[in-house]
Amino acid sequence: MFRASFLLCLLPSLVPAQPKPLDWAQIDQETLKHFSALVQINSTDPGGSEKPVVDYLKSVLDKEGIESKIFTRTNLADPAIVRPNIIARLKGNGKKKPLLIVGHTDTVNIDAKKWTTYGPFSAHRAGGHIYGRGTVDDKDNLTAALMSIILLKRQNTPLDRDVIFLAEAGEEGNTSVGIAFLVNEHYADLDAEYCLAEGGSAVRTKGKLKYVQIQTTEKIPRGVRLVASGVAGHGSVPLRSNPVAHLARAVAKVADWQPPMRLNDTTRAYFERLATVSTPEEKERYNNLLNPDKTDAIQEYFAVNEPRHNSMLRTSVSPNIFQGGYRSNVIPSEATAQLDIRALPDEDMTKFYDTLRSIINDPVIKVVPTGNSVRPGAPPSGLDNEAFRTIEAVAKQHYDNVAVLPTMATGATDMSFLRSKGMQCYGIGPAIDIEDGPLGYGAHSDQERILESSLYQFVKFHYDLTAQLAAAK
């Protein structure tokens, strides 16, 4: 009897303490504090600096007792320019490979004259929104990842895998100081099985959630210059060799050319799932995309009415810069055009450039790859693994059980570097109003903003997703 009573007395001390329920009202206020502080820091590229962001993050992590390390690539041209990255890690029991959660600390630059309502670094709250550069690219992901690692630490959550928090520099224009530097020189510090970063969103139409996009692959930027050469002369004597005329014809041919459609696992699943949440007319188009009797008409419809979908079907080419001449009465000896090529992840660019030359079909025109993109191509991340299944389940819990669509981004993120190393990467993001972009409130716009309620919802989603993927089962 004594022994049984003694064991009963000991039993409560043998049961692990359960974490306290999270006070989400208090966490929302803490989220707002950190998010506002980060938006108020000018970390534009060019024009600002990531160092004050990293200093702020380190102070927060230190206060929470989370160890972190700073990695900085020395700028040989100007050692005074410091663009650091910070990595923090919560240790797990090692049963599984780590989970990497990422946000980038830089933003695109601003034209101050065009921020006419609220300042670009004001983090001003009005009408249920928070305004400022980086509010949806990418200080939302940065804040959500920060809050996730903080909450896991406070809850003392047992982990089957390490959780690695990365706040990286240079995503918007200089990967050599950020992800390229880290992958090439410090990959062991961020090596993981799965990665969560930017690139996705929950999409709202007229205030109603329609679907959740999870970025599982992306197109790769590959720039090209078209160079036309000829004989300079007086404008009063027109020449058949005029480089401007040759270049104009070449650009017109490029603009009229539609590279062939080619689907991958991501885009095939995207259109199949999108059809389930679309109008009957839209559903008809999405379901018949591969129907040989209808595909040409559907692709032409996309090109005119749904250009983003048209871009998702193929490697795309957009002539964006045309330069030639310096006086109206002088025929120049050279004219150039720059093409923005966004390649499918597995595109053979040597063959693509050869096809481009045959489309132009003019020996006067040289096709010169600019080499301005170091982003590598890589296969899409998987749709049938623990990560994607968990993302889909958690997204449905947090976003009203709407459809979850794997998506190929037409723009670029730094996940391409990680996918090229074999890491399975998934782009996530907060709920956005699809109307905001055309109205000038989207990423990179002059009145960038986020719904305050969407920020808080995204932090909950991010934390729950991180915990589901990393916590000990």
Foldseek 3Di string as FASTA:
>chain_A
DVVVVVVVVCVVVVDDDAFDDDDLVVVLVVLLVLLLVLQLAAQAVVPHALVVVVVVLVVVCVVLVWDKDKDWDQDPVDNVHTHIKMKTKDAAPQQFWEEEQEAESYFHDADQVLLPPDGQSRLDDDPLWGWHACQFRTSLSVSLLSSLVSVCSSSVFHWNYMYMYIHFYDFVARCCGTDVVCVVPPVVRRDGQEYEYADWEQEDEPRATQETEKEQAAWFKWKKKKKFFDDKDWQVDDDPSQRLVLVVLLLVLQVPDQPDFDDDPQLLQQLVLSLVRDDPVSVVLSVCCVPVVCVVVSLVCCVVPVVQNNVQGFWHKDWDDKDADDDPGMRDRMIMIMITTTHALPDPVVVVVVVSCVSSVDPSIDIGTPPSGPQHRADTADCPDPLNVLLQVLCCVLRVNHYYGHDYHHDDGNCSSVRVVVHRYMHGGWYDYPVCVVVQQDHPGSTDMDRSVRSSSVSVSSSVSSCVVIGDD
